[in-house]
Structures are given as C-alpha cells and as structure tokens.
C-alpha cells in the first residue's frame, strides 16, 4: 500500500465513522439529509466482509445520497476558479474535500 493509498483509506474510514455517528446520535436529523445506508455493503463500506476492499457502490463510506450536502467547499485544485474536478463550479462536496481529491498534485 502506498502512502497515498493509506491516506485515502484513512479518510474513507473517518467519513464512515462520522456518518455512522451522525446516524446513531442524531437519527431524526439524519433522516432529513437523504443519506442512506449502502444496500450493497449494508453500511460496512466493504465489498466483502471477508476481504478488505472498498464497496464499489459507496466508495467505502458505507452510505450513499450526499446530494443535499454537495458544493460545500472551495475547490483546492483551482482555488474556486473552476476546473474539471469541480465541474467548473469552483466548489466541491465535502466527501471530495475530505478525501483530498481536489488537492493540486505537484510534479
């Protein structure tokens, strides 16, 4: 596992725990968000409980339906100017931001 792979895994695990805690402690508010447990992995985030591979449907977070939380952060790749990562809006959703997928890669 590369350093970047480890970082992505850590971020996905953090997201899983945050959403799971949100669902557990604030269930009424959680229901209003439209976020649902992933039907493919039963909210585990894993492709198969016996294998440590992320679920293809939720990307490893265990949940789907972030549409109501999208466009919350300025894209760090273009600093809000617009690029293909942020679909030229200058903003990215909190999952993309937390995973660092909007960070500019320097060669």
N, C-alpha and C. Protein backbone atom coordinates (compact mmCIF):
# COMPACT_ATOMS: atom_id res chain seq x y z
N UNK A 1 0.85 -1.17 0.00
CA UNK A 1 0.00 0.00 0.00
C UNK A 1 0.90 1.24 0.00
N UNK A 2 0.63 2.16 -0.92
CA UNK A 2 1.41 3.38 -1.00
C UNK A 2 0.94 4.37 0.07
N UNK A 3 1.71 5.39 0.25
CA UNK A 3 1.37 6.43 1.22
C UNK A 3 0.03 7.08 0.86
N UNK A 4 -0.18 7.34 -0.42
CA UNK A 4 -1.44 7.96 -0.88
C UNK A 4 -2.61 7.02 -0.64
N UNK A 5 -2.42 5.72 -0.91
CA UNK A 5 -3.48 4.73 -0.66
C UNK A 5 -3.84 4.70 0.82
N UNK A 6 -2.84 4.76 1.66
CA UNK A 6 -3.07 4.75 3.11
C UNK A 6 -3.86 6.00 3.52
N UNK A 7 -3.50 7.15 2.97
CA UNK A 7 -4.19 8.40 3.28
C UNK A 7 -5.65 8.35 2.85
N UNK A 8 -5.92 7.84 1.67
CA UNK A 8 -7.29 7.72 1.18
C UNK A 8 -8.08 6.76 2.07
N UNK A 9 -7.46 5.65 2.44
CA UNK A 9 -8.12 4.69 3.33
C UNK A 9 -8.46 5.33 4.67
N UNK A 10 -7.54 6.09 5.22
CA UNK A 10 -7.79 6.78 6.49
C UNK A 10 -8.96 7.76 6.35
N UNK A 11 -9.00 8.52 5.26
CA UNK A 11 -10.07 9.49 5.05
C UNK A 11 -11.42 8.81 4.89
N UNK A 12 -11.46 7.72 4.14
CA UNK A 12 -12.72 6.98 3.95
C UNK A 12 -13.20 6.42 5.28
N UNK A 13 -12.27 5.88 6.07
CA UNK A 13 -12.64 5.36 7.39
C UNK A 13 -13.18 6.45 8.30
N UNK A 14 -12.58 7.64 8.25
CA UNK A 14 -13.07 8.77 9.05
C UNK A 14 -14.48 9.16 8.63
N UNK A 15 -14.70 9.24 7.32
CA UNK A 15 -16.03 9.58 6.82
C UNK A 15 -17.07 8.55 7.27
N UNK A 16 -16.69 7.29 7.19
CA UNK A 16 -17.59 6.22 7.62
C UNK A 16 -17.99 6.42 9.08
N UNK A 17 -17.01 6.70 9.94
CA UNK A 17 -17.30 6.88 11.36
C UNK A 17 -18.14 8.12 11.63
N UNK A 18 -17.85 9.21 10.93
CA UNK A 18 -18.62 10.44 11.12
C UNK A 18 -20.08 10.23 10.73
N UNK A 19 -20.31 9.64 9.57
CA UNK A 19 -21.69 9.42 9.12
C UNK A 19 -22.39 8.43 10.01
N UNK A 20 -21.69 7.38 10.41
CA UNK A 20 -22.30 6.37 11.29
C UNK A 20 -22.69 7.00 12.63
N UNK A 21 -21.81 7.82 13.21
CA UNK A 21 -22.13 8.50 14.46
C UNK A 21 -23.29 9.48 14.28
N UNK A 22 -23.30 10.19 13.16
CA UNK A 22 -24.39 11.12 12.86
C UNK A 22 -25.72 10.36 12.82
N UNK A 23 -25.72 9.22 12.14
CA UNK A 23 -26.93 8.40 12.06
C UNK A 23 -27.36 7.92 13.44
N UNK A 24 -26.41 7.52 14.25
CA UNK A 24 -26.72 6.95 15.57
C UNK A 24 -27.19 8.02 16.57
N UNK A 25 -26.50 9.13 16.64
CA UNK A 25 -26.79 10.13 17.67
C UNK A 25 -27.86 11.15 17.27
N UNK A 26 -28.02 11.38 15.98
CA UNK A 26 -28.98 12.38 15.51
C UNK A 26 -29.89 11.77 14.45
N UNK A 27 -30.56 10.68 14.79
CA UNK A 27 -31.30 9.91 13.80
C UNK A 27 -32.39 10.73 13.10
N UNK A 28 -33.07 11.61 13.80
CA UNK A 28 -34.12 12.40 13.15
C UNK A 28 -33.52 13.36 12.12
N UNK A 29 -32.42 14.00 12.47
CA UNK A 29 -31.75 14.91 11.52
C UNK A 29 -31.13 14.12 10.38
N UNK A 30 -30.61 12.95 10.67
CA UNK A 30 -30.01 12.11 9.65
C UNK A 30 -31.03 11.75 8.58
N UNK A 31 -32.23 11.42 8.98
CA UNK A 31 -33.29 11.05 8.03
C UNK A 31 -33.63 12.20 7.10
N UNK A 32 -33.48 13.44 7.54
CA UNK A 32 -33.80 14.61 6.72
C UNK A 32 -32.77 14.85 5.63
N UNK A 33 -31.57 14.32 5.78
CA UNK A 33 -30.49 14.60 4.82
C UNK A 33 -30.63 13.84 3.52
N UNK A 34 -31.32 12.72 3.53
CA UNK A 34 -31.41 11.88 2.33
C UNK A 34 -30.28 10.88 2.23
N UNK A 35 -29.37 10.88 3.19
CA UNK A 35 -28.28 9.90 3.19
C UNK A 35 -28.87 8.56 3.61
N UNK A 36 -28.49 7.52 2.88
CA UNK A 36 -29.00 6.17 3.15
C UNK A 36 -27.84 5.20 3.34
N UNK A 37 -28.12 4.13 4.06
CA UNK A 37 -27.14 3.05 4.17
C UNK A 37 -26.98 2.41 2.79
N UNK A 38 -25.75 2.09 2.45
CA UNK A 38 -25.48 1.45 1.16
C UNK A 38 -26.10 0.06 1.15
N UNK A 39 -26.90 -0.23 0.14
CA UNK A 39 -27.55 -1.52 0.03
C UNK A 39 -26.63 -2.64 -0.41
N UNK A 40 -25.49 -2.29 -0.99
CA UNK A 40 -24.56 -3.32 -1.46
C UNK A 40 -23.69 -3.88 -0.34
N UNK A 41 -23.36 -3.03 0.64
CA UNK A 41 -22.45 -3.48 1.70
C UNK A 41 -23.07 -3.41 3.09
N UNK A 42 -24.36 -3.08 3.16
CA UNK A 42 -25.06 -2.96 4.45
C UNK A 42 -24.37 -1.99 5.40
N UNK A 43 -23.86 -0.90 4.84
CA UNK A 43 -23.21 0.20 5.58
C UNK A 43 -21.87 -0.17 6.21
N UNK A 44 -21.25 -1.27 5.75
CA UNK A 44 -19.92 -1.61 6.26
C UNK A 44 -18.83 -0.88 5.49
N UNK A 45 -19.10 -0.54 4.23
CA UNK A 45 -18.10 0.09 3.39
C UNK A 45 -17.20 -0.89 2.68
N UNK A 46 -17.40 -2.17 2.96
CA UNK A 46 -16.53 -3.20 2.39
C UNK A 46 -17.24 -3.99 1.29
N UNK A 47 -16.49 -4.34 0.28
CA UNK A 47 -17.03 -5.14 -0.83
C UNK A 47 -17.49 -6.50 -0.34
N UNK A 48 -16.69 -7.09 0.50
CA UNK A 48 -16.98 -8.40 1.09
C UNK A 48 -16.45 -8.37 2.51
N UNK A 49 -17.22 -8.82 3.44
CA UNK A 49 -16.83 -8.76 4.85
C UNK A 49 -15.54 -9.53 5.12
N UNK A 50 -15.22 -10.51 4.27
CA UNK A 50 -14.01 -11.31 4.45
C UNK A 50 -12.80 -10.72 3.71
N UNK A 51 -13.03 -9.67 2.91
CA UNK A 51 -11.95 -9.04 2.17
C UNK A 51 -11.92 -7.56 2.50
N UNK A 52 -10.74 -6.99 2.53
CA UNK A 52 -10.62 -5.58 2.86
C UNK A 52 -10.57 -4.71 1.61
N UNK A 53 -11.61 -4.82 0.78
CA UNK A 53 -11.73 -3.99 -0.40
C UNK A 53 -12.97 -3.12 -0.25
N UNK A 54 -12.87 -1.86 -0.66
CA UNK A 54 -13.99 -0.95 -0.53
C UNK A 54 -15.14 -1.35 -1.45
N UNK A 55 -16.34 -1.11 -0.99
CA UNK A 55 -17.55 -1.34 -1.77
C UNK A 55 -17.53 -0.43 -3.01
N UNK A 56 -17.87 -0.99 -4.15
CA UNK A 56 -17.87 -0.23 -5.40
C UNK A 56 -18.99 0.80 -5.44
N UNK A 57 -20.06 0.58 -4.69
CA UNK A 57 -21.23 1.45 -4.76
C UNK A 57 -21.06 2.72 -3.92
N UNK A 58 -20.51 2.61 -2.73
CA UNK A 58 -20.40 3.77 -1.83
C UNK A 58 -18.97 4.28 -1.70
N UNK A 59 -18.02 3.59 -2.30
CA UNK A 59 -16.63 4.02 -2.22
C UNK A 59 -15.98 3.76 -0.88
N UNK A 60 -16.66 3.00 -0.02
CA UNK A 60 -16.09 2.64 1.26
C UNK A 60 -16.67 3.39 2.45
N UNK A 61 -17.51 4.37 2.21
CA UNK A 61 -18.08 5.12 3.33
C UNK A 61 -19.23 4.38 3.99
N UNK A 62 -19.87 3.46 3.26
CA UNK A 62 -20.99 2.71 3.81
C UNK A 62 -22.33 3.39 3.61
N UNK A 63 -22.31 4.58 3.04
CA UNK A 63 -23.54 5.37 2.86
C UNK A 63 -23.56 6.00 1.48
N UNK A 64 -24.75 6.27 0.99
CA UNK A 64 -24.94 6.94 -0.30
C UNK A 64 -25.97 8.06 -0.12
N UNK A 65 -26.02 8.96 -1.10
CA UNK A 65 -27.03 10.01 -1.08
C UNK A 65 -26.56 11.32 -0.48
N UNK A 66 -25.38 11.77 -0.87
CA UNK A 66 -24.84 13.03 -0.35
C UNK A 66 -25.33 14.26 -1.08
N UNK A 67 -26.28 14.12 -1.96
CA UNK A 67 -26.68 15.22 -2.81
C UNK A 67 -27.05 16.50 -2.05
N UNK A 68 -27.63 16.36 -0.89
CA UNK A 68 -28.04 17.54 -0.12
C UNK A 68 -26.87 18.21 0.58
N UNK A 69 -25.70 17.61 0.55
CA UNK A 69 -24.55 18.17 1.25
C UNK A 69 -23.49 18.63 0.23
N UNK A 70 -23.76 18.53 -1.03
CA UNK A 70 -22.77 18.85 -2.05
C UNK A 70 -22.49 20.35 -2.13
N UNK A 71 -21.38 20.65 -2.79
CA UNK A 71 -20.94 22.01 -3.09
C UNK A 71 -20.74 22.85 -1.83
N UNK A 72 -20.01 22.30 -0.88
CA UNK A 72 -19.81 22.99 0.38
C UNK A 72 -18.42 23.61 0.54
N UNK A 73 -17.44 23.21 -0.26
CA UNK A 73 -16.07 23.68 -0.09
C UNK A 73 -15.51 24.25 -1.39
N UNK A 74 -14.65 25.25 -1.26
CA UNK A 74 -13.94 25.79 -2.41
C UNK A 74 -12.94 24.75 -2.90
N UNK A 75 -12.94 24.51 -4.19
CA UNK A 75 -12.02 23.53 -4.78
C UNK A 75 -10.58 24.00 -4.57
N UNK A 76 -9.76 23.13 -3.98
CA UNK A 76 -8.36 23.48 -3.72
C UNK A 76 -7.49 23.32 -4.96
N UNK A 77 -7.99 22.63 -5.97
CA UNK A 77 -7.21 22.46 -7.19
C UNK A 77 -7.18 23.76 -7.99
N UNK A 78 -8.32 24.43 -8.08
CA UNK A 78 -8.41 25.66 -8.88
C UNK A 78 -8.65 26.91 -8.04
N UNK A 79 -8.72 26.73 -6.72
CA UNK A 79 -8.98 27.85 -5.80
C UNK A 79 -10.27 28.59 -6.14
N UNK A 80 -11.26 27.86 -6.59
CA UNK A 80 -12.57 28.45 -6.88
C UNK A 80 -12.74 28.98 -8.28
N UNK A 81 -11.70 28.86 -9.10
CA UNK A 81 -11.77 29.39 -10.46
C UNK A 81 -12.53 28.50 -11.42
N UNK A 82 -12.61 27.23 -11.13
CA UNK A 82 -13.30 26.28 -11.99
C UNK A 82 -12.33 25.37 -12.71
N UNK A 83 -12.58 24.07 -12.63
CA UNK A 83 -11.76 23.07 -13.31
C UNK A 83 -12.60 21.81 -13.48
N UNK A 84 -12.01 20.80 -14.10
CA UNK A 84 -12.77 19.57 -14.33
C UNK A 84 -13.08 18.83 -13.04
N UNK A 85 -12.28 18.98 -12.02
CA UNK A 85 -12.53 18.30 -10.74
C UNK A 85 -13.82 18.82 -10.10
N UNK A 86 -14.04 20.12 -10.14
CA UNK A 86 -15.22 20.72 -9.51
C UNK A 86 -16.33 21.00 -10.53
N UNK A 87 -16.21 20.41 -11.70
CA UNK A 87 -17.18 20.60 -12.78
C UNK A 87 -17.37 22.08 -13.11
N UNK A 88 -16.26 22.83 -13.01
CA UNK A 88 -16.18 24.25 -13.36
C UNK A 88 -17.10 25.13 -12.53
N UNK A 89 -17.43 24.67 -11.30
CA UNK A 89 -18.25 25.49 -10.40
C UNK A 89 -17.40 26.19 -9.36
N UNK A 90 -16.18 25.71 -9.14
CA UNK A 90 -15.32 26.27 -8.11
C UNK A 90 -15.56 25.66 -6.74
N UNK A 91 -16.57 24.79 -6.63
CA UNK A 91 -16.92 24.19 -5.35
C UNK A 91 -16.94 22.66 -5.48
N UNK A 92 -16.61 21.97 -4.37
CA UNK A 92 -16.67 20.52 -4.32
C UNK A 92 -17.48 20.09 -3.10
N UNK A 93 -17.98 18.86 -3.12
CA UNK A 93 -18.72 18.35 -1.98
C UNK A 93 -17.76 17.99 -0.85
N UNK A 94 -18.30 17.79 0.32
CA UNK A 94 -17.47 17.55 1.50
C UNK A 94 -16.72 16.22 1.43
N UNK A 95 -17.25 15.25 0.71
CA UNK A 95 -16.57 13.96 0.60
C UNK A 95 -15.31 14.13 -0.25
N UNK A 96 -15.42 14.79 -1.39
CA UNK A 96 -14.27 15.05 -2.24
C UNK A 96 -13.22 15.85 -1.48
N UNK A 97 -13.67 16.85 -0.75
CA UNK A 97 -12.75 17.68 0.03
C UNK A 97 -12.05 16.87 1.12
N UNK A 98 -12.79 16.08 1.86
CA UNK A 98 -12.21 15.30 2.96
C UNK A 98 -11.24 14.25 2.46
N UNK A 99 -11.51 13.69 1.28
CA UNK A 99 -10.61 12.68 0.70
C UNK A 99 -9.40 13.30 0.03
N UNK A 100 -9.39 14.61 -0.12
CA UNK A 100 -8.26 15.28 -0.75
C UNK A 100 -8.21 15.12 -2.25
N UNK A 101 -9.32 14.75 -2.85
CA UNK A 101 -9.33 14.55 -4.31
C UNK A 101 -9.27 15.86 -5.07
N UNK A 102 -9.43 16.99 -4.36
CA UNK A 102 -9.38 18.29 -5.01
C UNK A 102 -8.04 19.01 -4.77
N UNK A 103 -7.07 18.32 -4.18
CA UNK A 103 -5.78 18.92 -3.91
C UNK A 103 -4.92 18.86 -5.17
N UNK A 104 -4.27 19.97 -5.47
CA UNK A 104 -3.42 20.05 -6.64
C UNK A 104 -2.19 19.16 -6.45
N UNK A 105 -1.93 18.30 -7.42
CA UNK A 105 -0.78 17.42 -7.37
C UNK A 105 0.36 18.12 -8.07
N UNK A 106 1.46 18.29 -7.35
CA UNK A 106 2.63 18.97 -7.93
C UNK A 106 3.65 17.94 -8.36
N UNK A 107 4.17 18.13 -9.55
CA UNK A 107 5.14 17.18 -10.09
C UNK A 107 6.54 17.50 -9.62
